[in-house]
């Protein structure tokens, strides 16, 4: 089946312009909106959207300051929440099924807190991570790297300036441990290091600092009260970020958690059939197809 792709540029109330793409029949409601991670990366969920676009149209966009949505200025979570609300308005969408990945799960959760009436259903993939998860994440990443790789990564991170090749090398070293299979993980990380560019490091730092000052952990009671009737979590068993942190969140929010075996932080790469099957079941239940 050939699905129609639509692209556009939406103007935000503060003058920013966000580039978006839709796959499938955009007259069908509600649509799915996929929220990519980072923060500071352009959208990379183009390989996931076709898994479900025959069931419901799938919208994706480059968050402001990334990819084809160039923008300069300070980043804050509230503005990114507003961006999503304004995009829904621009698309003529009263409410949407949100599928977030990594940082996109934080954005989806905070959007749900601010606009629960606009969330038809919500699937959170590989996040959000709450509690003291960073220590376990760092330890597992170091375990998956050689001493030489750890030393090289630290040197690149400390460099005041990096060449293009050094930036690719840094990102490859930082990302290959996201995957269950280190050999294939290196290939995917190297590919991503060239495609998911440029990284908006200022955005990453600003939103990361804000999240640490106002962690989602402190809003979980409100989030649970605002969740749509259909909401779920999904995680890769071999994500270096501890799956136990997702399990704890699932318990606190009273949500089901699907564990994808032999997969890491981007489970659709290592287990595409399992992820496709789960996404299709979820979307079919959310949109009634």
C-alpha atoms as a PDB file:
ATOM      1  CA  UNK A   1       0.000   0.000   0.000  1.00  0.00           C
ATOM      2  CA  UNK A   2       1.323   3.431  -0.979  1.00  0.00           C
ATOM      3  CA  UNK A   3       0.582   6.079   1.630  1.00  0.00           C
ATOM      4  CA  UNK A   4       0.382   9.764   0.840  1.00  0.00           C
ATOM      5  CA  UNK A   5       2.958  12.032   2.494  1.00  0.00           C
ATOM      6  CA  UNK A   6       2.173  15.661   3.246  1.00  0.00           C
ATOM      7  CA  UNK A   7       4.634  18.300   4.417  1.00  0.00           C
ATOM      8  CA  UNK A   8       4.187  21.777   5.737  1.00  0.00           C
ATOM      9  CA  UNK A   9       5.556  24.669   7.760  1.00  0.00           C
ATOM     10  CA  UNK A  10       3.604  25.897  10.791  1.00  0.00           C
ATOM     11  CA  UNK A  11       4.136  29.338  12.329  1.00  0.00           C
ATOM     12  CA  UNK A  12       4.105  29.561  16.106  1.00  0.00           C
ATOM     13  CA  UNK A  13       2.788  32.592  18.002  1.00  0.00           C
ATOM     14  CA  UNK A  14       6.328  33.702  18.885  1.00  0.00           C
ATOM     15  CA  UNK A  15       7.492  33.628  15.254  1.00  0.00           C
ATOM     16  CA  UNK A  16       9.179  30.218  15.208  1.00  0.00           C
ATOM     17  CA  UNK A  17       8.418  28.022  12.215  1.00  0.00           C
ATOM     18  CA  UNK A  18       8.227  24.267  12.615  1.00  0.00           C
ATOM     19  CA  UNK A  19       8.537  21.836   9.726  1.00  0.00           C
ATOM     20  CA  UNK A  20       6.175  18.878   9.871  1.00  0.00           C
ATOM     21  CA  UNK A  21       5.391  15.731   7.885  1.00  0.00           C
ATOM     22  CA  UNK A  22       2.234  13.621   7.797  1.00  0.00           C
ATOM     23  CA  UNK A  23       1.970  10.088   6.433  1.00  0.00           C
ATOM     24  CA  UNK A  24      -1.438   8.659   5.540  1.00  0.00           C
ATOM     25  CA  UNK A  25      -4.952  10.019   5.137  1.00  0.00           C
ATOM     26  CA  UNK A  26      -5.035  13.241   7.185  1.00  0.00           C
ATOM     27  CA  UNK A  27      -8.840  13.429   7.007  1.00  0.00           C
ATOM     28  CA  UNK A  28      -9.040  10.557   9.490  1.00  0.00           C
ATOM     29  CA  UNK A  29      -9.349  11.484  13.158  1.00  0.00           C
ATOM     30  CA  UNK A  30      -7.793  11.152  15.616  1.00  0.00           C
ATOM     31  CA  UNK A  31      -4.295  11.098  14.152  1.00  0.00           C
ATOM     32  CA  UNK A  32      -1.112   9.847  15.764  1.00  0.00           C
ATOM     33  CA  UNK A  33       1.576  12.393  16.627  1.00  0.00           C
ATOM     34  CA  UNK A  34       5.069  10.989  17.139  1.00  0.00           C
ATOM     35  CA  UNK A  35       7.393  12.945  19.433  1.00  0.00           C
ATOM     36  CA  UNK A  36      11.088  12.335  18.901  1.00  0.00           C
ATOM     37  CA  UNK A  37      13.748  12.340  21.571  1.00  0.00           C
ATOM     38  CA  UNK A  38      16.905  14.289  22.253  1.00  0.00           C
ATOM     39  CA  UNK A  39      16.430  16.900  23.346  1.00  0.00           C
ATOM     40  CA  UNK A  40      18.361  18.701  20.632  1.00  0.00           C
ATOM     41  CA  UNK A  41      18.050  16.097  17.862  1.00  0.00           C
ATOM     42  CA  UNK A  42      15.940  16.366  14.714  1.00  0.00           C
ATOM     43  CA  UNK A  43      13.099  13.921  14.148  1.00  0.00           C
ATOM     44  CA  UNK A  44      14.271  10.348  13.488  1.00  0.00           C
ATOM     45  CA  UNK A  45      10.997   8.420  13.709  1.00  0.00           C
ATOM     46  CA  UNK A  46      10.441   8.225   9.969  1.00  0.00           C
ATOM     47  CA  UNK A  47      11.200   4.486  10.074  1.00  0.00           C
ATOM     48  CA  UNK A  48       8.508   3.913  12.715  1.00  0.00           C
ATOM     49  CA  UNK A  49       5.638   5.908  11.198  1.00  0.00           C
ATOM     50  CA  UNK A  50       4.958   3.494   8.281  1.00  0.00           C
ATOM     51  CA  UNK A  51       4.296   0.689  10.772  1.00  0.00           C
ATOM     52  CA  UNK A  52       0.918   2.238  11.632  1.00  0.00           C
ATOM     53  CA  UNK A  53       0.124   4.935   9.034  1.00  0.00           C
ATOM     54  CA  UNK A  54      -2.482   2.726   7.320  1.00  0.00           C
ATOM     55  CA  UNK A  55      -4.429   2.669  10.602  1.00  0.00           C
ATOM     56  CA  UNK A  56      -4.282   6.417  11.316  1.00  0.00           C
ATOM     57  CA  UNK A  57      -2.400   9.371   9.828  1.00  0.00           C
ATOM     58  CA  UNK A  58       0.957   9.910  11.530  1.00  0.00           C
ATOM     59  CA  UNK A  59       2.317  13.415  12.101  1.00  0.00           C
ATOM     60  CA  UNK A  60       5.950  14.103  12.943  1.00  0.00           C
ATOM     61  CA  UNK A  61       7.860  17.351  13.317  1.00  0.00           C
ATOM     62  CA  UNK A  62      11.304  18.713  14.025  1.00  0.00           C
ATOM     63  CA  UNK A  63      11.176  20.426  17.405  1.00  0.00           C
ATOM     64  CA  UNK A  64      12.194  24.085  17.323  1.00  0.00           C
ATOM     65  CA  UNK A  65      15.919  24.560  16.965  1.00  0.00           C
ATOM     66  CA  UNK A  66      16.438  21.160  15.328  1.00  0.00           C
ATOM     67  CA  UNK A  67      16.528  19.788  11.785  1.00  0.00           C
ATOM     68  CA  UNK A  68      14.326  21.764   9.422  1.00  0.00           C
ATOM     69  CA  UNK A  69      12.914  23.949  12.207  1.00  0.00           C
ATOM     70  CA  UNK A  70      15.738  26.473  12.655  1.00  0.00           C
ATOM     71  CA  UNK A  71      15.311  28.781  15.627  1.00  0.00           C
ATOM     72  CA  UNK A  72      17.562  30.652  18.029  1.00  0.00           C
ATOM     73  CA  UNK A  73      16.656  31.438  21.591  1.00  0.00           C
ATOM     74  CA  UNK A  74      16.336  29.955  25.051  1.00  0.00           C
ATOM     75  CA  UNK A  75      14.507  26.651  25.342  1.00  0.00           C
ATOM     76  CA  UNK A  76      11.949  25.811  28.014  1.00  0.00           C
ATOM     77  CA  UNK A  77       9.576  22.903  28.385  1.00  0.00           C
ATOM     78  CA  UNK A  78       6.458  25.075  28.547  1.00  0.00           C
ATOM     79  CA  UNK A  79       7.216  26.545  25.117  1.00  0.00           C
ATOM     80  CA  UNK A  80       7.648  23.068  23.632  1.00  0.00           C
ATOM     81  CA  UNK A  81       4.290  22.070  25.138  1.00  0.00           C
ATOM     82  CA  UNK A  82       2.755  25.186  23.568  1.00  0.00           C
ATOM     83  CA  UNK A  83       4.339  24.269  20.231  1.00  0.00           C
ATOM     84  CA  UNK A  84       2.551  20.935  20.203  1.00  0.00           C
ATOM     85  CA  UNK A  85      -0.789  22.564  21.078  1.00  0.00           C
ATOM     86  CA  UNK A  86      -0.313  25.123  18.296  1.00  0.00           C
ATOM     87  CA  UNK A  87       0.614  22.401  15.829  1.00  0.00           C
ATOM     88  CA  UNK A  88      -2.582  20.516  16.634  1.00  0.00           C
ATOM     89  CA  UNK A  89      -4.483  23.733  15.960  1.00  0.00           C
ATOM     90  CA  UNK A  90      -2.653  24.217  12.662  1.00  0.00           C
ATOM     91  CA  UNK A  91      -3.541  20.654  11.636  1.00  0.00           C
ATOM     92  CA  UNK A  92      -7.170  21.067  12.679  1.00  0.00           C
ATOM     93  CA  UNK A  93      -6.814  18.289  15.243  1.00  0.00           C
ATOM     94  CA  UNK A  94      -8.897  18.570  18.451  1.00  0.00           C
ATOM     95  CA  UNK A  95      -7.086  15.621  20.064  1.00  0.00           C
ATOM     96  CA  UNK A  96      -4.394  13.148  19.072  1.00  0.00           C
ATOM     97  CA  UNK A  97      -2.840   9.828  19.987  1.00  0.00           C
ATOM     98  CA  UNK A  98       0.640  10.672  21.292  1.00  0.00           C
ATOM     99  CA  UNK A  99       3.544   8.278  20.806  1.00  0.00           C
ATOM    100  CA  UNK A 100       6.719   9.610  22.398  1.00  0.00           C
ATOM    101  CA  UNK A 101      10.203   8.161  22.410  1.00  0.00           C
ATOM    102  CA  UNK A 102      12.925   8.926  24.979  1.00  0.00           C
ATOM    103  CA  UNK A 103      12.767  12.711  25.675  1.00  0.00           C
ATOM    104  CA  UNK A 104       9.566  12.673  23.622  1.00  0.00           C
ATOM    105  CA  UNK A 105       7.929  10.753  26.484  1.00  0.00           C
ATOM    106  CA  UNK A 106       8.712  13.628  28.849  1.00  0.00           C
ATOM    107  CA  UNK A 107       7.195  16.063  26.353  1.00  0.00           C
ATOM    108  CA  UNK A 108       4.107  13.867  25.924  1.00  0.00           C
ATOM    109  CA  UNK A 109       3.696  13.578  29.705  1.00  0.00           C
ATOM    110  CA  UNK A 110       3.958  17.308  30.277  1.00  0.00           C
ATOM    111  CA  UNK A 111       1.591  17.983  27.391  1.00  0.00           C
ATOM    112  CA  UNK A 112      -0.874  15.565  28.985  1.00  0.00           C
ATOM    113  CA  UNK A 113      -0.603  17.493  32.263  1.00  0.00           C
ATOM    114  CA  UNK A 114      -1.308  20.811  30.502  1.00  0.00           C
ATOM    115  CA  UNK A 115      -3.855  19.647  27.900  1.00  0.00           C
ATOM    116  CA  UNK A 116      -5.438  16.345  28.999  1.00  0.00           C
ATOM    117  CA  UNK A 117      -8.499  17.059  26.865  1.00  0.00           C
ATOM    118  CA  UNK A 118      -6.339  16.932  23.728  1.00  0.00           C
ATOM    119  CA  UNK A 119      -4.796  13.491  24.360  1.00  0.00           C
ATOM    120  CA  UNK A 120      -6.863  10.627  22.943  1.00  0.00           C
ATOM    121  CA  UNK A 121      -4.333   7.971  23.997  1.00  0.00           C
ATOM    122  CA  UNK A 122      -0.643   7.875  24.887  1.00  0.00           C
ATOM    123  CA  UNK A 123       2.150   5.362  24.350  1.00  0.00           C
ATOM    124  CA  UNK A 124       5.465   6.125  26.048  1.00  0.00           C
ATOM    125  CA  UNK A 125       8.434   4.281  24.506  1.00  0.00           C
ATOM    126  CA  UNK A 126      11.697   4.017  26.454  1.00  0.00           C
ATOM    127  CA  UNK A 127      10.851   6.710  28.938  1.00  0.00           C
ATOM    128  CA  UNK A 128      10.197   8.761  30.877  1.00  0.00           C
ATOM    129  CA  UNK A 129      12.754   7.685  33.443  1.00  0.00           C
ATOM    130  CA  UNK A 130      12.128   8.821  36.982  1.00  0.00           C
ATOM    131  CA  UNK A 131      13.869   8.268  40.282  1.00  0.00           C
ATOM    132  CA  UNK A 132      17.604   7.588  40.602  1.00  0.00           C
ATOM    133  CA  UNK A 133      18.200   5.919  37.240  1.00  0.00           C
ATOM    134  CA  UNK A 134      21.274   7.792  35.987  1.00  0.00           C
ATOM    135  CA  UNK A 135      23.761   5.908  38.176  1.00  0.00           C
ATOM    136  CA  UNK A 136      22.685   2.566  36.747  1.00  0.00           C
ATOM    137  CA  UNK A 137      22.666   3.980  33.224  1.00  0.00           C
ATOM    138  CA  UNK A 138      26.241   5.272  33.518  1.00  0.00           C
ATOM    139  CA  UNK A 139      27.491   2.034  35.035  1.00  0.00           C
ATOM    140  CA  UNK A 140      25.922  -0.101  32.295  1.00  0.00           C
ATOM    141  CA  UNK A 141      27.266   2.115  29.519  1.00  0.00           C
ATOM    142  CA  UNK A 142      30.777   1.888  30.966  1.00  0.00           C
ATOM    143  CA  UNK A 143      30.446  -1.880  31.202  1.00  0.00           C
ATOM    144  CA  UNK A 144      29.577  -2.047  27.500  1.00  0.00           C
ATOM    145  CA  UNK A 145      32.636   0.020  26.492  1.00  0.00           C
ATOM    146  CA  UNK A 146      36.318  -0.826  26.458  1.00  0.00           C
ATOM    147  CA  UNK A 147      38.742   1.217  28.541  1.00  0.00           C
ATOM    148  CA  UNK A 148      40.064   2.827  25.361  1.00  0.00           C
ATOM    149  CA  UNK A 149      36.553   3.767  24.244  1.00  0.00           C
ATOM    150  CA  UNK A 150      35.747   5.310  27.612  1.00  0.00           C
ATOM    151  CA  UNK A 151      38.962   7.325  27.566  1.00  0.00           C
ATOM    152  CA  UNK A 152      38.384   8.511  24.003  1.00  0.00           C
ATOM    153  CA  UNK A 153      34.800   9.574  24.745  1.00  0.00           C
ATOM    154  CA  UNK A 154      35.904  11.619  27.747  1.00  0.00           C
ATOM    155  CA  UNK A 155      38.606  13.311  25.684  1.00  0.00           C
ATOM    156  CA  UNK A 156      36.147  14.239  22.934  1.00  0.00           C
ATOM    157  CA  UNK A 157      33.605  15.545  25.437  1.00  0.00           C
ATOM    158  CA  UNK A 158      36.268  17.760  27.019  1.00  0.00           C
ATOM    159  CA  UNK A 159      37.502  19.211  23.713  1.00  0.00           C
ATOM    160  CA  UNK A 160      36.645  22.933  23.387  1.00  0.00           C
ATOM    161  CA  UNK A 161      36.043  22.422  19.648  1.00  0.00           C
ATOM    162  CA  UNK A 162      35.443  19.370  17.518  1.00  0.00           C
ATOM    163  CA  UNK A 163      35.827  18.743  13.820  1.00  0.00           C
ATOM    164  CA  UNK A 164      32.985  17.129  11.883  1.00  0.00           C
ATOM    165  CA  UNK A 165      34.661  13.722  12.105  1.00  0.00           C
ATOM    166  CA  UNK A 166      35.303  14.150  15.819  1.00  0.00           C
ATOM    167  CA  UNK A 167      31.640  15.037  16.378  1.00  0.00           C
ATOM    168  CA  UNK A 168      30.584  11.890  14.516  1.00  0.00           C
ATOM    169  CA  UNK A 169      33.045   9.850  16.565  1.00  0.00           C
ATOM    170  CA  UNK A 170      31.764  11.320  19.840  1.00  0.00           C
ATOM    171  CA  UNK A 171      28.131  10.602  18.995  1.00  0.00           C
ATOM    172  CA  UNK A 172      28.930   7.077  17.823  1.00  0.00           C
ATOM    173  CA  UNK A 173      30.736   6.329  21.083  1.00  0.00           C
ATOM    174  CA  UNK A 174      27.920   7.885  23.110  1.00  0.00           C
ATOM    175  CA  UNK A 175      25.125   6.052  21.294  1.00  0.00           C
ATOM    176  CA  UNK A 176      26.346   2.560  20.413  1.00  0.00           C
ATOM    177  CA  UNK A 177      25.769   1.391  23.990  1.00  0.00           C
ATOM    178  CA  UNK A 178      22.051   2.133  23.565  1.00  0.00           C
ATOM    179  CA  UNK A 179      21.649  -1.195  21.764  1.00  0.00           C
ATOM    180  CA  UNK A 180      21.560  -4.797  22.919  1.00  0.00           C
ATOM    181  CA  UNK A 181      23.890  -5.997  20.139  1.00  0.00           C
ATOM    182  CA  UNK A 182      27.180  -4.004  20.288  1.00  0.00           C
ATOM    183  CA  UNK A 183      28.237  -4.774  16.712  1.00  0.00           C
ATOM    184  CA  UNK A 184      24.967  -3.773  15.114  1.00  0.00           C
ATOM    185  CA  UNK A 185      24.713  -1.014  17.702  1.00  0.00           C
ATOM    186  CA  UNK A 186      27.958   0.511  16.431  1.00  0.00           C
ATOM    187  CA  UNK A 187      26.590   0.527  12.883  1.00  0.00           C
ATOM    188  CA  UNK A 188      23.308   2.165  13.920  1.00  0.00           C
ATOM    189  CA  UNK A 189      25.080   4.703  16.123  1.00  0.00           C
ATOM    190  CA  UNK A 190      27.528   5.661  13.349  1.00  0.00           C
ATOM    191  CA  UNK A 191      24.634   6.032  10.914  1.00  0.00           C
ATOM    192  CA  UNK A 192      22.670   8.146  13.378  1.00  0.00           C
ATOM    193  CA  UNK A 193      25.732  10.273  14.158  1.00  0.00           C
ATOM    194  CA  UNK A 194      25.762  11.437  10.534  1.00  0.00           C
ATOM    195  CA  UNK A 195      22.000  11.702   9.979  1.00  0.00           C
ATOM    196  CA  UNK A 196      20.703  13.178  13.254  1.00  0.00           C
ATOM    197  CA  UNK A 197      22.565  16.408  12.878  1.00  0.00           C
ATOM    198  CA  UNK A 198      23.346  18.995  13.856  1.00  0.00           C
ATOM    199  CA  UNK A 199      22.855  18.354  17.556  1.00  0.00           C
ATOM    200  CA  UNK A 200      21.546  21.432  19.351  1.00  0.00           C
ATOM    201  CA  UNK A 201      23.713  21.111  22.436  1.00  0.00           C
ATOM    202  CA  UNK A 202      22.359  24.349  23.962  1.00  0.00           C
ATOM    203  CA  UNK A 203      18.811  22.996  23.756  1.00  0.00           C
ATOM    204  CA  UNK A 204      19.952  19.719  25.295  1.00  0.00           C
ATOM    205  CA  UNK A 205      21.612  21.531  28.180  1.00  0.00           C
ATOM    206  CA  UNK A 206      18.768  23.979  28.845  1.00  0.00           C
ATOM    207  CA  UNK A 207      15.963  21.439  28.809  1.00  0.00           C
ATOM    208  CA  UNK A 208      18.042  18.958  30.791  1.00  0.00           C
ATOM    209  CA  UNK A 209      18.769  21.555  33.464  1.00  0.00           C
ATOM    210  CA  UNK A 210      15.100  22.531  33.638  1.00  0.00           C
ATOM    211  CA  UNK A 211      14.023  18.889  33.977  1.00  0.00           C
ATOM    212  CA  UNK A 212      16.427  18.372  36.867  1.00  0.00           C
ATOM    213  CA  UNK A 213      15.101  21.510  38.606  1.00  0.00           C
ATOM    214  CA  UNK A 214      11.473  20.463  38.112  1.00  0.00           C
ATOM    215  CA  UNK A 215      11.521  16.675  37.711  1.00  0.00           C
ATOM    216  CA  UNK A 216       8.546  14.804  36.352  1.00  0.00           C
ATOM    217  CA  UNK A 217       8.776  12.647  39.492  1.00  0.00           C
ATOM    218  CA  UNK A 218       7.072  15.443  41.430  1.00  0.00           C
ATOM    219  CA  UNK A 219       4.063  15.501  39.089  1.00  0.00           C
ATOM    220  CA  UNK A 220       3.223  11.807  38.877  1.00  0.00           C
ATOM    221  CA  UNK A 221       0.085  12.024  41.015  1.00  0.00           C
ATOM    222  CA  UNK A 222      -1.299  14.725  38.737  1.00  0.00           C
ATOM    223  CA  UNK A 223      -0.200  12.829  35.643  1.00  0.00           C
ATOM    224  CA  UNK A 224      -1.981   9.687  36.800  1.00  0.00           C
ATOM    225  CA  UNK A 225      -5.155  11.729  37.320  1.00  0.00           C
ATOM    226  CA  UNK A 226      -4.897  13.260  33.830  1.00  0.00           C
ATOM    227  CA  UNK A 227      -4.002  10.148  31.830  1.00  0.00           C
ATOM    228  CA  UNK A 228      -6.308   9.143  28.977  1.00  0.00           C
ATOM    229  CA  UNK A 229      -8.209   5.885  29.271  1.00  0.00           C
ATOM    230  CA  UNK A 230      -5.678   4.168  27.021  1.00  0.00           C
ATOM    231  CA  UNK A 231      -2.073   4.761  28.090  1.00  0.00           C
ATOM    232  CA  UNK A 232       0.851   2.341  28.102  1.00  0.00           C
ATOM    233  CA  UNK A 233       4.619   2.066  28.504  1.00  0.00           C
ATOM    234  CA  UNK A 234       7.064   0.140  26.341  1.00  0.00           C
ATOM    235  CA  UNK A 235      10.757  -0.497  26.947  1.00  0.00           C
ATOM    236  CA  UNK A 236      13.683  -2.481  25.633  1.00  0.00           C
ATOM    237  CA  UNK A 237      14.947  -5.030  28.162  1.00  0.00           C
ATOM    238  CA  UNK A 238      18.571  -4.229  27.248  1.00  0.00           C
ATOM    239  CA  UNK A 239      18.301  -0.450  27.299  1.00  0.00           C
ATOM    240  CA  UNK A 240      21.213   0.755  29.465  1.00  0.00           C
ATOM    241  CA  UNK A 241      18.692   2.944  31.246  1.00  0.00           C
ATOM    242  CA  UNK A 242      17.358   0.548  33.891  1.00  0.00           C
ATOM    243  CA  UNK A 243      14.107  -1.122  32.905  1.00  0.00           C
ATOM    244  CA  UNK A 244      13.383  -1.254  36.639  1.00  0.00           C
ATOM    245  CA  UNK A 245      12.885   2.526  36.503  1.00  0.00           C
ATOM    246  CA  UNK A 246      10.181   2.088  33.858  1.00  0.00           C
ATOM    247  CA  UNK A 247       8.628  -0.716  35.896  1.00  0.00           C
ATOM    248  CA  UNK A 248       8.526   1.579  38.926  1.00  0.00           C
ATOM    249  CA  UNK A 249       6.855   4.298  36.850  1.00  0.00           C
ATOM    250  CA  UNK A 250       4.335   1.814  35.470  1.00  0.00           C
ATOM    251  CA  UNK A 251       3.434   0.824  39.039  1.00  0.00           C
ATOM    252  CA  UNK A 252       3.064   4.442  40.165  1.00  0.00           C
ATOM    253  CA  UNK A 253       0.886   5.341  37.183  1.00  0.00           C
ATOM    254  CA  UNK A 254      -1.016   2.015  37.178  1.00  0.00           C
ATOM    255  CA  UNK A 255      -0.106   1.430  33.528  1.00  0.00           C
ATOM    256  CA  UNK A 256       0.847  -1.723  31.622  1.00  0.00           C
ATOM    257  CA  UNK A 257       4.493  -2.045  30.602  1.00  0.00           C
ATOM    258  CA  UNK A 258       5.480  -4.060  27.533  1.00  0.00           C
ATOM    259  CA  UNK A 259       9.039  -5.402  27.659  1.00  0.00           C
ATOM    260  CA  UNK A 260      10.750  -5.964  24.291  1.00  0.00           C
ATOM    261  CA  UNK A 261      13.335  -8.744  24.656  1.00  0.00           C
ATOM    262  CA  UNK A 262      16.766  -8.504  22.999  1.00  0.00           C
ATOM    263  CA  UNK A 263      16.315  -4.787  22.324  1.00  0.00           C
ATOM    264  CA  UNK A 264      17.749  -1.554  23.664  1.00  0.00           C
ATOM    265  CA  UNK A 265      16.757   2.100  23.573  1.00  0.00           C
ATOM    266  CA  UNK A 266      15.517   1.984  19.964  1.00  0.00           C
ATOM    267  CA  UNK A 267      13.704  -1.347  20.009  1.00  0.00           C
ATOM    268  CA  UNK A 268      12.260  -0.984  16.493  1.00  0.00           C
ATOM    269  CA  UNK A 269      15.782  -1.436  15.102  1.00  0.00           C
ATOM    270  CA  UNK A 270      16.526  -4.727  16.839  1.00  0.00           C
ATOM    271  CA  UNK A 271      13.011  -6.163  17.095  1.00  0.00           C
ATOM    272  CA  UNK A 272      10.941  -4.490  14.361  1.00  0.00           C
ATOM    273  CA  UNK A 273       8.279  -7.200  14.210  1.00  0.00           C
ATOM    274  CA  UNK A 274       7.620  -7.106  17.946  1.00  0.00           C
ATOM    275  CA  UNK A 275       7.444  -3.314  18.004  1.00  0.00           C
ATOM    276  CA  UNK A 276       5.258  -3.185  14.894  1.00  0.00           C
ATOM    277  CA  UNK A 277       2.843  -5.695  16.390  1.00  0.00           C
ATOM    278  CA  UNK A 278       2.588  -3.770  19.640  1.00  0.00           C
ATOM    279  CA  UNK A 279       2.175  -0.372  17.959  1.00  0.00           C
ATOM    280  CA  UNK A 280      -0.538  -1.695  15.663  1.00  0.00           C
ATOM    281  CA  UNK A 281      -2.461  -3.261  18.539  1.00  0.00           C
ATOM    282  CA  UNK A 282      -2.198  -0.034  20.519  1.00  0.00           C
ATOM    283  CA  UNK A 283      -3.274   2.252  17.677  1.00  0.00           C
ATOM    284  CA  UNK A 284      -6.120  -0.024  16.618  1.00  0.00           C
ATOM    285  CA  UNK A 285      -7.454   0.113  20.161  1.00  0.00           C
ATOM    286  CA  UNK A 286      -6.974   3.885  20.359  1.00  0.00           C
ATOM    287  CA  UNK A 287      -8.667   4.844  17.079  1.00  0.00           C
ATOM    288  CA  UNK A 288     -11.171   1.983  16.844  1.00  0.00           C
ATOM    289  CA  UNK A 289      -9.977   0.477  13.561  1.00  0.00           C
END
